[in-house]
Amino acid sequence: MPSLDPAEQRARFAAAPAARLATLRPDGSPRLVPITFVLLDGLVCSAVDEVKPKTTTRLARLADVRRDPRVELVVDHYADDWSTLWWVRVGGTAAVHEDGALRERALAALVAKYRPYADAPPDGVLLVVTPTRWTGWTAR
């Protein structure tokens, strides 16, 4: 099974349009949600926004992280040509940032990465994942 070298893992992860974030519910089962994100100074940053419809900004994933900071993220490429498949998984610990310089820099980076944020920049809390483990695989 061909693995991706660390630089390629980070490059593919950073360029991906979305990731899947797994947190742990109170009963220990996984909660999996798609997120927008940026890789900033080695940290994975995602903001609560108003662009994508939500029933509340008090997201269950944030409560999960406050209770148990262990998380996993995955980005991948799928195609009918299976020789082009790849994925990158990041394990780490997450924290919620309500303010501060990192939050401001991450929000600006999210606006630069995602066109819909140009008209409606995210202004919610920032979820910051500090990676402790990177894994990557490619079919080639």
C-alpha atoms as a PDB file:
ATOM      1  CA  MET A   1       0.000   0.000   0.000  1.00  0.00           C
ATOM      2  CA  PRO A   2       1.784   3.184  -1.146  1.00  0.00           C
ATOM      3  CA  SER A   3       1.910   5.884   1.493  1.00  0.00           C
ATOM      4  CA  LEU A   4       2.289   9.610   0.933  1.00  0.00           C
ATOM      5  CA  ASP A   5       5.367  11.348   2.299  1.00  0.00           C
ATOM      6  CA  PRO A   6       4.723  13.977   5.004  1.00  0.00           C
ATOM      7  CA  ALA A   7       5.120  17.003   2.703  1.00  0.00           C
ATOM      8  CA  GLU A   8       2.675  15.539   0.170  1.00  0.00           C
ATOM      9  CA  GLN A   9       0.198  14.668   2.934  1.00  0.00           C
ATOM     10  CA  ARG A  10       0.153  18.284   4.106  1.00  0.00           C
ATOM     11  CA  ALA A  11      -0.020  19.709   0.583  1.00  0.00           C
ATOM     12  CA  ARG A  12      -2.978  17.521  -0.414  1.00  0.00           C
ATOM     13  CA  PHE A  13      -4.726  18.143   2.881  1.00  0.00           C
ATOM     14  CA  ALA A  14      -4.314  21.930   2.644  1.00  0.00           C
ATOM     15  CA  ALA A  15      -5.574  22.012  -0.961  1.00  0.00           C
ATOM     16  CA  ALA A  16      -8.708  19.945  -0.286  1.00  0.00           C
ATOM     17  CA  PRO A  17     -11.987  21.877  -0.470  1.00  0.00           C
ATOM     18  CA  ALA A  18     -13.518  20.141   2.553  1.00  0.00           C
ATOM     19  CA  ALA A  19     -12.683  17.663   5.289  1.00  0.00           C
ATOM     20  CA  ARG A  20     -14.718  15.258   7.375  1.00  0.00           C
ATOM     21  CA  LEU A  21     -14.345  15.887  11.102  1.00  0.00           C
ATOM     22  CA  ALA A  22     -14.982  13.112  13.623  1.00  0.00           C
ATOM     23  CA  THR A  23     -15.636  14.006  17.260  1.00  0.00           C
ATOM     24  CA  LEU A  24     -16.798  11.821  20.122  1.00  0.00           C
ATOM     25  CA  ARG A  25     -20.382  12.016  21.389  1.00  0.00           C
ATOM     26  CA  PRO A  26     -21.088  11.693  25.125  1.00  0.00           C
ATOM     27  CA  ASP A  27     -21.783   7.955  24.654  1.00  0.00           C
ATOM     28  CA  GLY A  28     -18.411   7.477  22.905  1.00  0.00           C
ATOM     29  CA  SER A  29     -19.830   6.990  19.427  1.00  0.00           C
ATOM     30  CA  PRO A  30     -18.333   9.048  16.584  1.00  0.00           C
ATOM     31  CA  ARG A  31     -20.004  12.158  15.183  1.00  0.00           C
ATOM     32  CA  LEU A  32     -18.900  12.825  11.585  1.00  0.00           C
ATOM     33  CA  VAL A  33     -19.495  16.157   9.816  1.00  0.00           C
ATOM     34  CA  PRO A  34     -18.088  17.853   6.720  1.00  0.00           C
ATOM     35  CA  ILE A  35     -16.234  21.101   7.401  1.00  0.00           C
ATOM     36  CA  THR A  36     -14.506  23.917   5.562  1.00  0.00           C
ATOM     37  CA  PHE A  37     -11.018  24.566   6.902  1.00  0.00           C
ATOM     38  CA  VAL A  38      -7.561  26.021   6.392  1.00  0.00           C
ATOM     39  CA  LEU A  39      -4.179  24.673   7.382  1.00  0.00           C
ATOM     40  CA  LEU A  40      -2.478  27.594   9.142  1.00  0.00           C
ATOM     41  CA  ASP A  41       0.925  27.304  10.804  1.00  0.00           C
ATOM     42  CA  GLY A  42       0.439  23.544  11.013  1.00  0.00           C
ATOM     43  CA  LEU A  43      -2.976  23.872  12.695  1.00  0.00           C
ATOM     44  CA  VAL A  44      -6.295  22.883  11.135  1.00  0.00           C
ATOM     45  CA  CYS A  45      -8.759  25.770  11.595  1.00  0.00           C
ATOM     46  CA  SER A  46     -12.502  25.784  10.929  1.00  0.00           C
ATOM     47  CA  ALA A  47     -15.015  28.498  11.824  1.00  0.00           C
ATOM     48  CA  VAL A  48     -18.686  28.482  12.637  1.00  0.00           C
ATOM     49  CA  ASP A  49     -20.282  30.526   9.865  1.00  0.00           C
ATOM     50  CA  GLU A  50     -23.686  31.767   8.770  1.00  0.00           C
ATOM     51  CA  VAL A  51     -23.230  30.976   5.052  1.00  0.00           C
ATOM     52  CA  LYS A  52     -24.087  27.279   5.297  1.00  0.00           C
ATOM     53  CA  PRO A  53     -27.553  26.868   6.876  1.00  0.00           C
ATOM     54  CA  LYS A  54     -27.613  25.607  10.477  1.00  0.00           C
ATOM     55  CA  THR A  55     -30.409  25.342  12.988  1.00  0.00           C
ATOM     56  CA  THR A  56     -28.114  26.841  15.665  1.00  0.00           C
ATOM     57  CA  THR A  57     -24.546  28.052  16.138  1.00  0.00           C
ATOM     58  CA  ARG A  58     -24.350  25.967  19.333  1.00  0.00           C
ATOM     59  CA  LEU A  59     -23.013  23.033  17.365  1.00  0.00           C
ATOM     60  CA  ALA A  60     -22.831  19.546  18.848  1.00  0.00           C
ATOM     61  CA  ARG A  61     -19.273  19.153  17.519  1.00  0.00           C
ATOM     62  CA  LEU A  62     -18.173  22.090  19.704  1.00  0.00           C
ATOM     63  CA  ALA A  63     -19.750  20.532  22.797  1.00  0.00           C
ATOM     64  CA  ASP A  64     -18.048  17.246  21.898  1.00  0.00           C
ATOM     65  CA  VAL A  65     -14.633  18.952  21.691  1.00  0.00           C
ATOM     66  CA  ARG A  66     -15.108  20.829  24.942  1.00  0.00           C
ATOM     67  CA  ARG A  67     -15.865  17.504  26.652  1.00  0.00           C
ATOM     68  CA  ASP A  68     -13.251  15.354  24.837  1.00  0.00           C
ATOM     69  CA  PRO A  69     -10.700  17.090  22.592  1.00  0.00           C
ATOM     70  CA  ARG A  70      -9.681  13.983  20.613  1.00  0.00           C
ATOM     71  CA  VAL A  71     -10.618  14.333  16.936  1.00  0.00           C
ATOM     72  CA  GLU A  72      -9.827  12.875  13.521  1.00  0.00           C
ATOM     73  CA  LEU A  73     -10.107  14.538  10.111  1.00  0.00           C
ATOM     74  CA  VAL A  74      -9.942  13.028   6.647  1.00  0.00           C
ATOM     75  CA  VAL A  75      -9.743  14.461   3.142  1.00  0.00           C
ATOM     76  CA  ASP A  76      -9.774  12.291   0.066  1.00  0.00           C
ATOM     77  CA  HIS A  77      -9.991  12.077  -3.685  1.00  0.00           C
ATOM     78  CA  TYR A  78     -12.365   9.611  -5.302  1.00  0.00           C
ATOM     79  CA  ALA A  79     -12.698   8.931  -9.024  1.00  0.00           C
ATOM     80  CA  ASP A  80     -13.931   6.114 -11.235  1.00  0.00           C
ATOM     81  CA  ASP A  81     -10.279   5.647 -12.170  1.00  0.00           C
ATOM     82  CA  TRP A  82      -9.206   3.920  -8.976  1.00  0.00           C
ATOM     83  CA  SER A  83      -5.547   4.386  -9.811  1.00  0.00           C
ATOM     84  CA  THR A  84      -5.981   8.065  -8.826  1.00  0.00           C
ATOM     85  CA  LEU A  85      -7.491   7.471  -5.366  1.00  0.00           C
ATOM     86  CA  TRP A  86      -5.864   8.963  -2.264  1.00  0.00           C
ATOM     87  CA  TRP A  87      -6.660  10.049   1.289  1.00  0.00           C
ATOM     88  CA  VAL A  88      -4.998  11.904   4.141  1.00  0.00           C
ATOM     89  CA  ARG A  89      -6.049  11.479   7.766  1.00  0.00           C
ATOM     90  CA  VAL A  90      -5.091  13.750  10.673  1.00  0.00           C
ATOM     91  CA  GLY A  91      -5.500  12.840  14.319  1.00  0.00           C
ATOM     92  CA  GLY A  92      -5.163  15.450  17.001  1.00  0.00           C
ATOM     93  CA  THR A  93      -6.624  17.485  19.794  1.00  0.00           C
ATOM     94  CA  ALA A  94      -9.100  20.290  19.271  1.00  0.00           C
ATOM     95  CA  ALA A  95      -9.922  23.479  21.118  1.00  0.00           C
ATOM     96  CA  VAL A  96     -12.524  26.201  20.659  1.00  0.00           C
ATOM     97  CA  HIS A  97     -11.186  29.764  20.289  1.00  0.00           C
ATOM     98  CA  GLU A  98     -13.686  32.577  20.786  1.00  0.00           C
ATOM     99  CA  ASP A  99     -11.209  35.407  20.156  1.00  0.00           C
ATOM    100  CA  GLY A 100      -7.521  36.203  19.740  1.00  0.00           C
ATOM    101  CA  ALA A 101      -4.936  36.749  17.035  1.00  0.00           C
ATOM    102  CA  LEU A 102      -5.026  33.135  15.757  1.00  0.00           C
ATOM    103  CA  ARG A 103      -8.797  33.373  15.295  1.00  0.00           C
ATOM    104  CA  GLU A 104      -8.474  36.628  13.322  1.00  0.00           C
ATOM    105  CA  ARG A 105      -5.713  35.214  11.082  1.00  0.00           C
ATOM    106  CA  ALA A 106      -7.635  31.992  10.500  1.00  0.00           C
ATOM    107  CA  LEU A 107     -10.846  33.854   9.601  1.00  0.00           C
ATOM    108  CA  ALA A 108      -8.897  35.912   7.038  1.00  0.00           C
ATOM    109  CA  ALA A 109      -7.372  32.732   5.596  1.00  0.00           C
ATOM    110  CA  LEU A 110     -10.820  31.122   5.331  1.00  0.00           C
ATOM    111  CA  VAL A 111     -12.119  34.182   3.457  1.00  0.00           C
ATOM    112  CA  ALA A 112      -9.165  33.863   1.051  1.00  0.00           C
ATOM    113  CA  LYS A 113      -9.801  30.124   0.472  1.00  0.00           C
ATOM    114  CA  TYR A 114     -13.607  30.109   0.099  1.00  0.00           C
ATOM    115  CA  ARG A 115     -15.381  32.462  -2.312  1.00  0.00           C
ATOM    116  CA  PRO A 116     -18.756  32.441  -0.448  1.00  0.00           C
ATOM    117  CA  TYR A 117     -16.994  33.914   2.596  1.00  0.00           C
ATOM    118  CA  ALA A 118     -16.069  37.052   0.606  1.00  0.00           C
ATOM    119  CA  ASP A 119     -19.666  38.298   0.933  1.00  0.00           C
ATOM    120  CA  ALA A 120     -20.332  36.815   4.371  1.00  0.00           C
ATOM    121  CA  PRO A 121     -17.114  36.299   6.359  1.00  0.00           C
ATOM    122  CA  PRO A 122     -17.415  33.806   9.198  1.00  0.00           C
ATOM    123  CA  ASP A 123     -17.677  35.456  12.594  1.00  0.00           C
ATOM    124  CA  GLY A 124     -18.350  32.523  14.893  1.00  0.00           C
ATOM    125  CA  VAL A 125     -15.987  30.625  17.106  1.00  0.00           C
ATOM    126  CA  LEU A 126     -12.923  28.939  15.662  1.00  0.00           C
ATOM    127  CA  LEU A 127     -12.260  25.224  16.029  1.00  0.00           C
ATOM    128  CA  VAL A 128      -8.491  24.619  16.087  1.00  0.00           C
ATOM    129  CA  VAL A 129      -7.023  21.148  15.722  1.00  0.00           C
ATOM    130  CA  THR A 130      -3.419  20.566  16.741  1.00  0.00           C
ATOM    131  CA  PRO A 131      -2.297  17.540  14.723  1.00  0.00           C
ATOM    132  CA  THR A 132      -0.506  14.765  16.579  1.00  0.00           C
ATOM    133  CA  ARG A 133      -0.618  12.164  13.780  1.00  0.00           C
ATOM    134  CA  TRP A 134      -0.641  12.329   9.965  1.00  0.00           C
ATOM    135  CA  THR A 135      -1.355   9.327   7.727  1.00  0.00           C
ATOM    136  CA  GLY A 136      -1.700   9.258   3.962  1.00  0.00           C
ATOM    137  CA  TRP A 137      -2.292   6.719   1.233  1.00  0.00           C
ATOM    138  CA  THR A 138      -2.331   6.817  -2.541  1.00  0.00           C
ATOM    139  CA  ALA A 139      -3.159   4.214  -5.153  1.00  0.00           C
ATOM    140  CA  ARG A 140      -0.039   5.199  -7.100  1.00  0.00           C
END
